[in-house]
Amino acid sequence: MSETSAQARTGSRASRLPAISFEFFPPKTEEMERSLWEVINRLAPLSPNFVSVTYGAGGSTRERTHSTITRILGETSLTPAAHLTCVDATRASVDEVVDRYHEVGVRHIVALRGDPSSGIGATYAAHPEGYQSSADLVAAIRRRHPDIEVTVSAYPEKHPESRDFDADIDGLKAKVDAGATRAITQFFFDNDLYFRYLDRVRAAGITIPIVPGILPVQNFKQARSFAQRAGASLPDWLAAKFDGLDDDAETRKLVAATVAAGQVQKLAKHGVENFHFYTMNRADLVFAISHLLGLRPNGARKAA
């Protein structure tokens, strides 16, 4: 793959420094809340485009998500994006959440269908009085509040429930046609998966930004569990790098930083300008990787 062809597919220029965004999950306890705000305060000076806060299956973290979003709006200069799912929820209850977000100042929603409350791998069934798909959810948000930007998900290895890649791309196109203006990918570790996916997306006439989702591996066993549930592959070379480090947290952290930094630097070299980090509510690796990309606190930029 040439650098020119990669830039053509991403619509990027390698001379620009990348833009970043961060994903957090809402805290379950007071201790976790204190920890999350330490992370937010550590990462905020990097001036991310936005930060997103996840939303549990069936809205199980709805109030904590709303509280976290409201606090970010009130106490920081960050732009928050609220995750929203339609699984196990009526249209009326989803609309109420959207209205509440809009009322407090949220103008960006990450709209997802959501996983079945019985767990990933279970058969999905839409609520009889709910939105039937993420495309329906996107369209409803845009009809209700046209000033809300909507981001959706994308899957370089296709969604586990999709029949094939053509069906998966059709699903993404439906979300774009409904009003989505950005997609963030499921995490991946093989950059070729991302670029092959971009080929499919662009060939289908989809032109919105497809932002790579990056998961710094804080814990390899946890990452392997995430990957199995999400239908993402873990390369043998990645497993080998963490082999024998189960009881060596410090070395695991060094290896994780090296792996993630290498991945994003190679993507950036080929013209990728936007990165979304799944932080797992930890700041250390994400801050280090952002530094290696040339990003500095309070908007200062250095060539990477």
C-alpha atoms as a PDB file:
ATOM      1  CA  MET A   1       0.000   0.000   0.000  1.00  0.00           C
ATOM      2  CA  SER A   2       1.440   3.346  -1.002  1.00  0.00           C
ATOM      3  CA  GLU A   3       1.226   6.409   1.207  1.00  0.00           C
ATOM      4  CA  THR A   4      -0.569   8.266  -1.591  1.00  0.00           C
ATOM      5  CA  SER A   5      -3.293   5.637  -1.913  1.00  0.00           C
ATOM      6  CA  ALA A   6      -3.807   5.551   1.848  1.00  0.00           C
ATOM      7  CA  GLN A   7      -4.225   9.325   1.951  1.00  0.00           C
ATOM      8  CA  ALA A   8      -6.690   9.158  -0.928  1.00  0.00           C
ATOM      9  CA  ARG A   9      -8.822   6.667   0.969  1.00  0.00           C
ATOM     10  CA  THR A  10      -8.797   8.590   4.255  1.00  0.00           C
ATOM     11  CA  GLY A  11      -9.060  12.003   2.657  1.00  0.00           C
ATOM     12  CA  SER A  12      -6.120  13.137   4.765  1.00  0.00           C
ATOM     13  CA  ARG A  13      -2.779  14.823   4.378  1.00  0.00           C
ATOM     14  CA  ALA A  14       0.168  13.433   6.290  1.00  0.00           C
ATOM     15  CA  SER A  15       1.521  16.936   7.007  1.00  0.00           C
ATOM     16  CA  ARG A  16      -1.239  17.649   9.526  1.00  0.00           C
ATOM     17  CA  LEU A  17      -1.048  16.649  13.143  1.00  0.00           C
ATOM     18  CA  PRO A  18      -3.853  14.278  14.112  1.00  0.00           C
ATOM     19  CA  ALA A  19      -6.983  15.149  16.052  1.00  0.00           C
ATOM     20  CA  ILE A  20      -7.967  12.932  18.956  1.00  0.00           C
ATOM     21  CA  SER A  21     -11.011  12.009  21.012  1.00  0.00           C
ATOM     22  CA  PHE A  22     -11.362   9.953  24.173  1.00  0.00           C
ATOM     23  CA  GLU A  23     -13.962   7.506  25.412  1.00  0.00           C
ATOM     24  CA  PHE A  24     -14.822   7.065  29.089  1.00  0.00           C
ATOM     25  CA  PHE A  25     -17.327   4.878  30.895  1.00  0.00           C
ATOM     26  CA  PRO A  26     -19.472   6.252  33.727  1.00  0.00           C
ATOM     27  CA  PRO A  27     -18.243   5.466  37.251  1.00  0.00           C
ATOM     28  CA  LYS A  28     -20.115   2.949  39.390  1.00  0.00           C
ATOM     29  CA  THR A  29     -18.807   4.089  42.787  1.00  0.00           C
ATOM     30  CA  GLU A  30     -17.550   7.260  44.450  1.00  0.00           C
ATOM     31  CA  GLU A  31     -14.005   5.916  44.297  1.00  0.00           C
ATOM     32  CA  MET A  32     -14.347   5.218  40.566  1.00  0.00           C
ATOM     33  CA  GLU A  33     -15.751   8.717  40.092  1.00  0.00           C
ATOM     34  CA  ARG A  34     -12.712  10.277  41.774  1.00  0.00           C
ATOM     35  CA  SER A  35     -10.464   8.150  39.591  1.00  0.00           C
ATOM     36  CA  LEU A  36     -12.325   9.138  36.432  1.00  0.00           C
ATOM     37  CA  TRP A  37     -11.968  12.844  37.201  1.00  0.00           C
ATOM     38  CA  GLU A  38      -8.261  12.423  37.749  1.00  0.00           C
ATOM     39  CA  VAL A  39      -8.126  10.889  34.250  1.00  0.00           C
ATOM     40  CA  ILE A  40     -10.257  13.660  32.743  1.00  0.00           C
ATOM     41  CA  ASN A  41      -8.105  16.370  34.334  1.00  0.00           C
ATOM     42  CA  ARG A  42      -4.953  14.654  33.089  1.00  0.00           C
ATOM     43  CA  LEU A  43      -6.175  14.333  29.493  1.00  0.00           C
ATOM     44  CA  ALA A  44      -8.182  17.562  29.126  1.00  0.00           C
ATOM     45  CA  PRO A  45      -5.093  19.757  28.443  1.00  0.00           C
ATOM     46  CA  LEU A  46      -4.506  17.728  25.249  1.00  0.00           C
ATOM     47  CA  SER A  47      -7.544  19.556  23.791  1.00  0.00           C
ATOM     48  CA  PRO A  48      -9.383  16.575  22.286  1.00  0.00           C
ATOM     49  CA  ASN A  49     -12.055  17.232  19.648  1.00  0.00           C
ATOM     50  CA  PHE A  50     -14.559  15.642  22.006  1.00  0.00           C
ATOM     51  CA  VAL A  51     -14.864  13.076  24.774  1.00  0.00           C
ATOM     52  CA  SER A  52     -17.577  10.432  24.806  1.00  0.00           C
ATOM     53  CA  VAL A  53     -19.246   8.694  27.729  1.00  0.00           C
ATOM     54  CA  THR A  54     -20.657   5.207  27.246  1.00  0.00           C
ATOM     55  CA  TYR A  55     -24.161   3.994  27.946  1.00  0.00           C
ATOM     56  CA  GLY A  56     -24.916   0.543  29.365  1.00  0.00           C
ATOM     57  CA  ALA A  57     -27.060  -2.110  27.701  1.00  0.00           C
ATOM     58  CA  GLY A  58     -30.727  -1.192  27.941  1.00  0.00           C
ATOM     59  CA  GLY A  59     -29.784   2.162  29.462  1.00  0.00           C
ATOM     60  CA  SER A  60     -28.417   0.491  32.591  1.00  0.00           C
ATOM     61  CA  THR A  61     -26.011   3.390  33.211  1.00  0.00           C
ATOM     62  CA  ARG A  62     -28.320   6.098  31.899  1.00  0.00           C
ATOM     63  CA  GLU A  63     -28.344   8.316  35.005  1.00  0.00           C
ATOM     64  CA  ARG A  64     -24.604   7.944  35.629  1.00  0.00           C
ATOM     65  CA  THR A  65     -23.890   8.737  31.986  1.00  0.00           C
ATOM     66  CA  HIS A  66     -26.121  11.807  32.145  1.00  0.00           C
ATOM     67  CA  SER A  67     -24.520  12.955  35.409  1.00  0.00           C
ATOM     68  CA  THR A  68     -21.000  12.556  34.014  1.00  0.00           C
ATOM     69  CA  ILE A  69     -21.903  14.409  30.814  1.00  0.00           C
ATOM     70  CA  THR A  70     -23.518  17.240  32.765  1.00  0.00           C
ATOM     71  CA  ARG A  71     -20.475  17.597  35.006  1.00  0.00           C
ATOM     72  CA  ILE A  72     -18.110  17.665  32.015  1.00  0.00           C
ATOM     73  CA  LEU A  73     -20.216  20.463  30.509  1.00  0.00           C
ATOM     74  CA  GLY A  74     -20.308  22.414  33.756  1.00  0.00           C
ATOM     75  CA  GLU A  75     -16.762  21.979  35.045  1.00  0.00           C
ATOM     76  CA  THR A  76     -14.511  21.658  31.993  1.00  0.00           C
ATOM     77  CA  SER A  77     -14.003  23.189  28.568  1.00  0.00           C
ATOM     78  CA  LEU A  78     -14.322  19.752  26.944  1.00  0.00           C
ATOM     79  CA  THR A  79     -16.999  18.955  24.375  1.00  0.00           C
ATOM     80  CA  PRO A  80     -18.865  15.825  25.495  1.00  0.00           C
ATOM     81  CA  ALA A  81     -20.581  13.292  23.253  1.00  0.00           C
ATOM     82  CA  ALA A  82     -23.203  11.136  24.933  1.00  0.00           C
ATOM     83  CA  HIS A  83     -23.582   7.490  23.927  1.00  0.00           C
ATOM     84  CA  LEU A  84     -27.160   6.369  23.407  1.00  0.00           C
ATOM     85  CA  THR A  85     -28.642   2.949  22.616  1.00  0.00           C
ATOM     86  CA  CYS A  86     -32.145   1.876  21.661  1.00  0.00           C
ATOM     87  CA  VAL A  87     -32.010  -1.737  22.842  1.00  0.00           C
ATOM     88  CA  ASP A  88     -34.764  -2.705  25.324  1.00  0.00           C
ATOM     89  CA  ALA A  89     -36.193   0.811  25.270  1.00  0.00           C
ATOM     90  CA  THR A  90     -39.361   2.411  23.938  1.00  0.00           C
ATOM     91  CA  ARG A  91     -39.179   5.251  21.457  1.00  0.00           C
ATOM     92  CA  ALA A  92     -40.688   7.558  24.081  1.00  0.00           C
ATOM     93  CA  SER A  93     -38.003   6.767  26.659  1.00  0.00           C
ATOM     94  CA  VAL A  94     -35.206   7.220  24.115  1.00  0.00           C
ATOM     95  CA  ASP A  95     -36.696  10.511  22.946  1.00  0.00           C
ATOM     96  CA  GLU A  96     -36.834  11.677  26.558  1.00  0.00           C
ATOM     97  CA  VAL A  97     -33.114  10.985  26.983  1.00  0.00           C
ATOM     98  CA  VAL A  98     -32.299  12.871  23.784  1.00  0.00           C
ATOM     99  CA  ASP A  99     -34.374  15.838  24.945  1.00  0.00           C
ATOM    100  CA  ARG A 100     -32.638  15.847  28.348  1.00  0.00           C
ATOM    101  CA  TYR A 101     -29.227  15.862  26.711  1.00  0.00           C
ATOM    102  CA  HIS A 102     -30.221  18.668  24.391  1.00  0.00           C
ATOM    103  CA  GLU A 103     -31.601  20.675  27.306  1.00  0.00           C
ATOM    104  CA  VAL A 104     -28.292  20.592  29.222  1.00  0.00           C
ATOM    105  CA  GLY A 105     -26.284  21.545  26.129  1.00  0.00           C
ATOM    106  CA  VAL A 106     -25.224  18.285  24.497  1.00  0.00           C
ATOM    107  CA  ARG A 107     -24.882  18.679  20.736  1.00  0.00           C
ATOM    108  CA  HIS A 108     -23.169  15.392  19.882  1.00  0.00           C
ATOM    109  CA  ILE A 109     -24.553  11.870  20.353  1.00  0.00           C
ATOM    110  CA  VAL A 110     -22.912   8.526  19.588  1.00  0.00           C
ATOM    111  CA  ALA A 111     -25.928   6.517  18.440  1.00  0.00           C
ATOM    112  CA  LEU A 112     -25.720   2.743  18.796  1.00  0.00           C
ATOM    113  CA  ARG A 113     -28.230  -0.064  18.555  1.00  0.00           C
ATOM    114  CA  GLY A 114     -26.769  -1.653  21.660  1.00  0.00           C
ATOM    115  CA  ASP A 115     -26.091  -5.256  22.617  1.00  0.00           C
ATOM    116  CA  PRO A 116     -28.875  -7.510  23.898  1.00  0.00           C
ATOM    117  CA  SER A 117     -29.270  -7.211  27.655  1.00  0.00           C
ATOM    118  CA  SER A 118     -28.802 -10.986  27.884  1.00  0.00           C
ATOM    119  CA  GLY A 119     -25.269 -10.523  26.580  1.00  0.00           C
ATOM    120  CA  ILE A 120     -23.208 -10.317  23.402  1.00  0.00           C
ATOM    121  CA  GLY A 121     -23.922 -13.322  21.206  1.00  0.00           C
ATOM    122  CA  ALA A 122     -27.591 -13.504  22.148  1.00  0.00           C
ATOM    123  CA  THR A 123     -30.157 -12.959  19.418  1.00  0.00           C
ATOM    124  CA  TYR A 124     -31.119  -9.314  19.124  1.00  0.00           C
ATOM    125  CA  ALA A 125     -34.796  -8.409  19.194  1.00  0.00           C
ATOM    126  CA  ALA A 126     -35.943  -4.813  18.944  1.00  0.00           C
ATOM    127  CA  HIS A 127     -38.385  -3.536  21.544  1.00  0.00           C
ATOM    128  CA  PRO A 128     -41.892  -3.731  20.035  1.00  0.00           C
ATOM    129  CA  GLU A 129     -42.403  -0.027  20.806  1.00  0.00           C
ATOM    130  CA  GLY A 130     -38.785   0.957  20.203  1.00  0.00           C
ATOM    131  CA  TYR A 131     -36.549   1.980  17.358  1.00  0.00           C
ATOM    132  CA  GLN A 132     -35.822  -1.040  15.224  1.00  0.00           C
ATOM    133  CA  SER A 133     -32.222  -0.254  14.295  1.00  0.00           C
ATOM    134  CA  SER A 134     -29.422   2.231  14.841  1.00  0.00           C
ATOM    135  CA  ALA A 135     -30.357   3.874  11.518  1.00  0.00           C
ATOM    136  CA  ASP A 136     -33.865   4.480  12.870  1.00  0.00           C
ATOM    137  CA  LEU A 137     -32.325   5.944  16.030  1.00  0.00           C
ATOM    138  CA  VAL A 138     -30.069   8.269  14.023  1.00  0.00           C
ATOM    139  CA  ALA A 139     -33.005   9.503  11.925  1.00  0.00           C
ATOM    140  CA  ALA A 140     -35.097  10.144  15.048  1.00  0.00           C
ATOM    141  CA  ILE A 141     -32.352  12.172  16.730  1.00  0.00           C
ATOM    142  CA  ARG A 142     -31.822  14.283  13.625  1.00  0.00           C
ATOM    143  CA  ARG A 143     -35.571  14.872  13.186  1.00  0.00           C
ATOM    144  CA  ARG A 144     -36.006  15.832  16.815  1.00  0.00           C
ATOM    145  CA  HIS A 145     -32.925  18.028  17.140  1.00  0.00           C
ATOM    146  CA  PRO A 146     -31.275  18.863  13.790  1.00  0.00           C
ATOM    147  CA  ASP A 147     -28.462  20.693  15.595  1.00  0.00           C
ATOM    148  CA  ILE A 148     -27.219  17.482  17.236  1.00  0.00           C
ATOM    149  CA  GLU A 149     -24.300  15.832  15.448  1.00  0.00           C
ATOM    150  CA  VAL A 150     -24.569  12.043  15.306  1.00  0.00           C
ATOM    151  CA  THR A 151     -21.647   9.625  15.285  1.00  0.00           C
ATOM    152  CA  VAL A 152     -22.141   5.905  14.646  1.00  0.00           C
ATOM    153  CA  SER A 153     -20.127   2.699  14.841  1.00  0.00           C
ATOM    154  CA  ALA A 154     -18.213   0.875  12.103  1.00  0.00           C
ATOM    155  CA  TYR A 155     -16.625  -2.574  12.013  1.00  0.00           C
ATOM    156  CA  PRO A 156     -13.371  -3.277  10.121  1.00  0.00           C
ATOM    157  CA  GLU A 157     -13.974  -7.018  10.642  1.00  0.00           C
ATOM    158  CA  LYS A 158     -17.760  -6.586  10.160  1.00  0.00           C
ATOM    159  CA  HIS A 159     -20.312  -6.724  12.938  1.00  0.00           C
ATOM    160  CA  PRO A 160     -20.550 -10.262  14.381  1.00  0.00           C
ATOM    161  CA  GLU A 161     -24.235 -10.407  13.448  1.00  0.00           C
ATOM    162  CA  SER A 162     -23.815  -9.227   9.855  1.00  0.00           C
ATOM    163  CA  ARG A 163     -24.350 -11.840   7.162  1.00  0.00           C
ATOM    164  CA  ASP A 164     -21.334 -10.634   5.194  1.00  0.00           C
ATOM    165  CA  PHE A 165     -19.370  -7.482   4.475  1.00  0.00           C
ATOM    166  CA  ASP A 166     -21.850  -6.267   1.857  1.00  0.00           C
ATOM    167  CA  ALA A 167     -24.662  -6.397   4.400  1.00  0.00           C
ATOM    168  CA  ASP A 168     -22.467  -4.703   6.967  1.00  0.00           C
ATOM    169  CA  ILE A 169     -21.594  -1.846   4.601  1.00  0.00           C
ATOM    170  CA  ASP A 170     -25.272  -1.513   3.678  1.00  0.00           C
ATOM    171  CA  GLY A 171     -25.991  -1.035   7.375  1.00  0.00           C
ATOM    172  CA  LEU A 172     -23.414   1.734   7.635  1.00  0.00           C
ATOM    173  CA  LYS A 173     -24.796   3.408   4.519  1.00  0.00           C
ATOM    174  CA  ALA A 174     -28.283   3.347   6.044  1.00  0.00           C
ATOM    175  CA  LYS A 175     -26.946   5.168   9.106  1.00  0.00           C
ATOM    176  CA  VAL A 176     -25.235   7.770   6.913  1.00  0.00           C
ATOM    177  CA  ASP A 177     -28.387   8.254   4.849  1.00  0.00           C
ATOM    178  CA  ALA A 178     -30.261   8.781   8.140  1.00  0.00           C
ATOM    179  CA  GLY A 179     -27.953  11.650   9.070  1.00  0.00           C
ATOM    180  CA  ALA A 180     -24.764  10.280  10.648  1.00  0.00           C
ATOM    181  CA  THR A 181     -21.719  12.420   9.904  1.00  0.00           C
ATOM    182  CA  ARG A 182     -18.909  10.348  11.453  1.00  0.00           C
ATOM    183  CA  ALA A 183     -18.180   6.710  12.257  1.00  0.00           C
ATOM    184  CA  ILE A 184     -15.822   5.343  14.897  1.00  0.00           C
ATOM    185  CA  THR A 185     -14.519   1.834  14.378  1.00  0.00           C
ATOM    186  CA  GLN A 186     -14.452  -1.136  16.662  1.00  0.00           C
ATOM    187  CA  PHE A 187     -10.888  -1.502  17.942  1.00  0.00           C
ATOM    188  CA  PHE A 188      -8.431  -3.435  15.794  1.00  0.00           C
ATOM    189  CA  PHE A 189      -4.743  -4.299  15.994  1.00  0.00           C
ATOM    190  CA  ASP A 190      -3.921  -5.012  12.340  1.00  0.00           C
ATOM    191  CA  ASN A 191      -3.876  -1.748  10.378  1.00  0.00           C
ATOM    192  CA  ASP A 192      -4.446  -3.575   7.090  1.00  0.00           C
ATOM    193  CA  LEU A 193      -7.928  -4.479   8.365  1.00  0.00           C
ATOM    194  CA  TYR A 194      -8.715  -0.791   8.674  1.00  0.00           C
ATOM    195  CA  PHE A 195      -7.432   0.139   5.224  1.00  0.00           C
ATOM    196  CA  ARG A 196      -9.209  -2.778   3.531  1.00  0.00           C
ATOM    197  CA  TYR A 197     -12.392  -1.693   5.279  1.00  0.00           C
ATOM    198  CA  LEU A 198     -11.911   1.866   4.015  1.00  0.00           C
ATOM    199  CA  ASP A 199     -11.633   0.482   0.484  1.00  0.00           C
ATOM    200  CA  ARG A 200     -15.033  -1.208   0.890  1.00  0.00           C
ATOM    201  CA  VAL A 201     -16.624   1.872   2.469  1.00  0.00           C
ATOM    202  CA  ARG A 202     -15.376   4.319  -0.152  1.00  0.00           C
ATOM    203  CA  ALA A 203     -16.304   1.948  -2.974  1.00  0.00           C
ATOM    204  CA  ALA A 204     -19.863   2.011  -1.613  1.00  0.00           C
ATOM    205  CA  GLY A 205     -19.920   5.806  -1.938  1.00  0.00           C
ATOM    206  CA  ILE A 206     -19.676   6.498   1.805  1.00  0.00           C
ATOM    207  CA  THR A 207     -17.597   9.620   2.335  1.00  0.00           C
ATOM    208  CA  ILE A 208     -17.938  10.437   6.062  1.00  0.00           C
ATOM    209  CA  PRO A 209     -14.806  10.202   8.245  1.00  0.00           C
ATOM    210  CA  ILE A 210     -14.122   6.669   9.472  1.00  0.00           C
ATOM    211  CA  VAL A 211     -12.178   7.257  12.678  1.00  0.00           C
ATOM    212  CA  PRO A 212     -10.036   4.352  13.908  1.00  0.00           C
ATOM    213  CA  GLY A 213     -10.857   3.229  17.425  1.00  0.00           C
ATOM    214  CA  ILE A 214      -7.655   2.475  19.321  1.00  0.00           C
ATOM    215  CA  LEU A 215      -7.526   0.265  22.416  1.00  0.00           C
ATOM    216  CA  PRO A 216      -4.255   0.556  24.352  1.00  0.00           C
ATOM    217  CA  VAL A 217      -3.890  -2.876  25.958  1.00  0.00           C
ATOM    218  CA  GLN A 218      -3.848  -2.165  29.671  1.00  0.00           C
ATOM    219  CA  ASN A 219      -4.587  -5.826  30.441  1.00  0.00           C
ATOM    220  CA  PHE A 220      -4.078  -8.493  27.780  1.00  0.00           C
ATOM    221  CA  LYS A 221      -6.511 -11.018  29.276  1.00  0.00           C
ATOM    222  CA  GLN A 222      -9.181  -8.329  29.424  1.00  0.00           C
ATOM    223  CA  ALA A 223      -8.442  -7.261  25.851  1.00  0.00           C
ATOM    224  CA  ARG A 224      -8.729 -10.873  24.689  1.00  0.00           C
ATOM    225  CA  SER A 225     -12.127 -11.140  26.381  1.00  0.00           C
ATOM    226  CA  PHE A 226     -13.286  -7.893  24.756  1.00  0.00           C
ATOM    227  CA  ALA A 227     -12.093  -9.109  21.358  1.00  0.00           C
ATOM    228  CA  GLN A 228     -13.873 -12.453  21.640  1.00  0.00           C
ATOM    229  CA  ARG A 229     -17.147 -10.788  22.545  1.00  0.00           C
ATOM    230  CA  ALA A 230     -16.844  -8.100  19.874  1.00  0.00           C
ATOM    231  CA  GLY A 231     -15.747 -10.337  17.009  1.00  0.00           C
ATOM    232  CA  ALA A 232     -12.357  -8.636  16.751  1.00  0.00           C
ATOM    233  CA  SER A 233      -9.205 -10.616  16.049  1.00  0.00           C
ATOM    234  CA  LEU A 234      -6.079 -10.694  18.199  1.00  0.00           C
ATOM    235  CA  PRO A 235      -2.966 -11.360  16.089  1.00  0.00           C
ATOM    236  CA  ASP A 236      -0.575 -14.070  17.258  1.00  0.00           C
ATOM    237  CA  TRP A 237       2.258 -11.528  17.316  1.00  0.00           C
ATOM    238  CA  LEU A 238       0.343  -9.452  19.849  1.00  0.00           C
ATOM    239  CA  ALA A 239      -0.270 -12.404  22.138  1.00  0.00           C
ATOM    240  CA  ALA A 240       3.426 -13.289  21.924  1.00  0.00           C
ATOM    241  CA  LYS A 241       4.469  -9.819  23.088  1.00  0.00           C
ATOM    242  CA  PHE A 242       2.502 -10.265  26.333  1.00  0.00           C
ATOM    243  CA  ASP A 243       3.433 -13.899  26.891  1.00  0.00           C
ATOM    244  CA  GLY A 244       4.851 -14.500  30.364  1.00  0.00           C
ATOM    245  CA  LEU A 245       3.925 -11.043  31.700  1.00  0.00           C
ATOM    246  CA  ASP A 246       0.828 -11.933  33.714  1.00  0.00           C
ATOM    247  CA  ASP A 247       2.569 -11.014  36.968  1.00  0.00           C
ATOM    248  CA  ASP A 248       4.716  -8.173  35.634  1.00  0.00           C
ATOM    249  CA  ALA A 249       2.511  -5.101  35.415  1.00  0.00           C
ATOM    250  CA  GLU A 250       5.331  -2.624  34.793  1.00  0.00           C
ATOM    251  CA  THR A 251       6.697  -4.506  31.785  1.00  0.00           C
ATOM    252  CA  ARG A 252       3.167  -5.033  30.458  1.00  0.00           C
ATOM    253  CA  LYS A 253       2.682  -1.267  30.517  1.00  0.00           C
ATOM    254  CA  LEU A 254       5.906  -0.671  28.575  1.00  0.00           C
ATOM    255  CA  VAL A 255       4.970  -3.302  25.994  1.00  0.00           C
ATOM    256  CA  ALA A 256       1.455  -1.895  25.693  1.00  0.00           C
ATOM    257  CA  ALA A 257       2.767   1.624  25.114  1.00  0.00           C
ATOM    258  CA  THR A 258       5.185   0.385  22.446  1.00  0.00           C
ATOM    259  CA  VAL A 259       2.488  -1.589  20.610  1.00  0.00           C
ATOM    260  CA  ALA A 260      -0.148   1.155  20.653  1.00  0.00           C
ATOM    261  CA  ALA A 261       2.322   3.911  19.771  1.00  0.00           C
ATOM    262  CA  GLY A 262       3.573   1.868  16.842  1.00  0.00           C
ATOM    263  CA  GLN A 263       0.046   1.301  15.579  1.00  0.00           C
ATOM    264  CA  VAL A 264      -1.027   4.934  15.662  1.00  0.00           C
ATOM    265  CA  GLN A 265       2.252   6.240  14.271  1.00  0.00           C
ATOM    266  CA  LYS A 266       1.960   3.884  11.283  1.00  0.00           C
ATOM    267  CA  LEU A 267      -1.638   4.958  10.709  1.00  0.00           C
ATOM    268  CA  ALA A 268      -0.608   8.611  10.942  1.00  0.00           C
ATOM    269  CA  LYS A 269       2.249   8.042   8.495  1.00  0.00           C
ATOM    270  CA  HIS A 270      -0.315   6.831   5.966  1.00  0.00           C
ATOM    271  CA  GLY A 271      -2.477   9.912   6.295  1.00  0.00           C
ATOM    272  CA  VAL A 272      -4.861   9.089   9.129  1.00  0.00           C
ATOM    273  CA  GLU A 273      -5.626  12.327  10.992  1.00  0.00           C
ATOM    274  CA  ASN A 274      -8.207  11.342  13.592  1.00  0.00           C
ATOM    275  CA  PHE A 275      -7.964   8.821  16.421  1.00  0.00           C
ATOM    276  CA  HIS A 276     -10.508   7.767  19.027  1.00  0.00           C
ATOM    277  CA  PHE A 277      -8.983   6.203  22.136  1.00  0.00           C
ATOM    278  CA  TYR A 278     -10.844   3.718  24.304  1.00  0.00           C
ATOM    279  CA  THR A 279      -9.233   4.911  27.523  1.00  0.00           C
ATOM    280  CA  MET A 280     -10.707   2.338  29.945  1.00  0.00           C
ATOM    281  CA  ASN A 281     -10.757   5.322  32.310  1.00  0.00           C
ATOM    282  CA  ARG A 282      -6.971   5.384  32.513  1.00  0.00           C
ATOM    283  CA  ALA A 283      -4.754   8.215  31.339  1.00  0.00           C
ATOM    284  CA  ASP A 284      -1.148   7.031  31.312  1.00  0.00           C
ATOM    285  CA  LEU A 285      -0.904   5.130  28.026  1.00  0.00           C
ATOM    286  CA  VAL A 286      -3.263   7.459  26.164  1.00  0.00           C
ATOM    287  CA  PHE A 287      -1.319  10.538  27.259  1.00  0.00           C
ATOM    288  CA  ALA A 288       1.986   8.957  26.210  1.00  0.00           C
ATOM    289  CA  ILE A 289       0.643   7.897  22.812  1.00  0.00           C
ATOM    290  CA  SER A 290      -0.810  11.355  22.191  1.00  0.00           C
ATOM    291  CA  HIS A 291       2.587  12.856  23.037  1.00  0.00           C
ATOM    292  CA  LEU A 292       4.256  10.596  20.472  1.00  0.00           C
ATOM    293  CA  LEU A 293       1.743  11.809  17.877  1.00  0.00           C
ATOM    294  CA  GLY A 294       3.037  15.329  18.467  1.00  0.00           C
ATOM    295  CA  LEU A 295       0.231  16.560  20.705  1.00  0.00           C
ATOM    296  CA  ARG A 296       1.094  18.696  23.704  1.00  0.00           C
ATOM    297  CA  PRO A 297      -0.971  20.081  26.601  1.00  0.00           C
ATOM    298  CA  ASN A 298      -3.088  23.176  26.080  1.00  0.00           C
ATOM    299  CA  GLY A 299      -3.035  23.019  22.307  1.00  0.00           C
ATOM    300  CA  ALA A 300       0.718  23.211  21.707  1.00  0.00           C
ATOM    301  CA  ARG A 301       1.726  21.036  18.773  1.00  0.00           C
ATOM    302  CA  LYS A 302       5.005  19.450  17.806  1.00  0.00           C
ATOM    303  CA  ALA A 303       5.915  17.556  14.677  1.00  0.00           C
ATOM    304  CA  ALA A 304       5.660  13.841  15.421  1.00  0.00           C
END
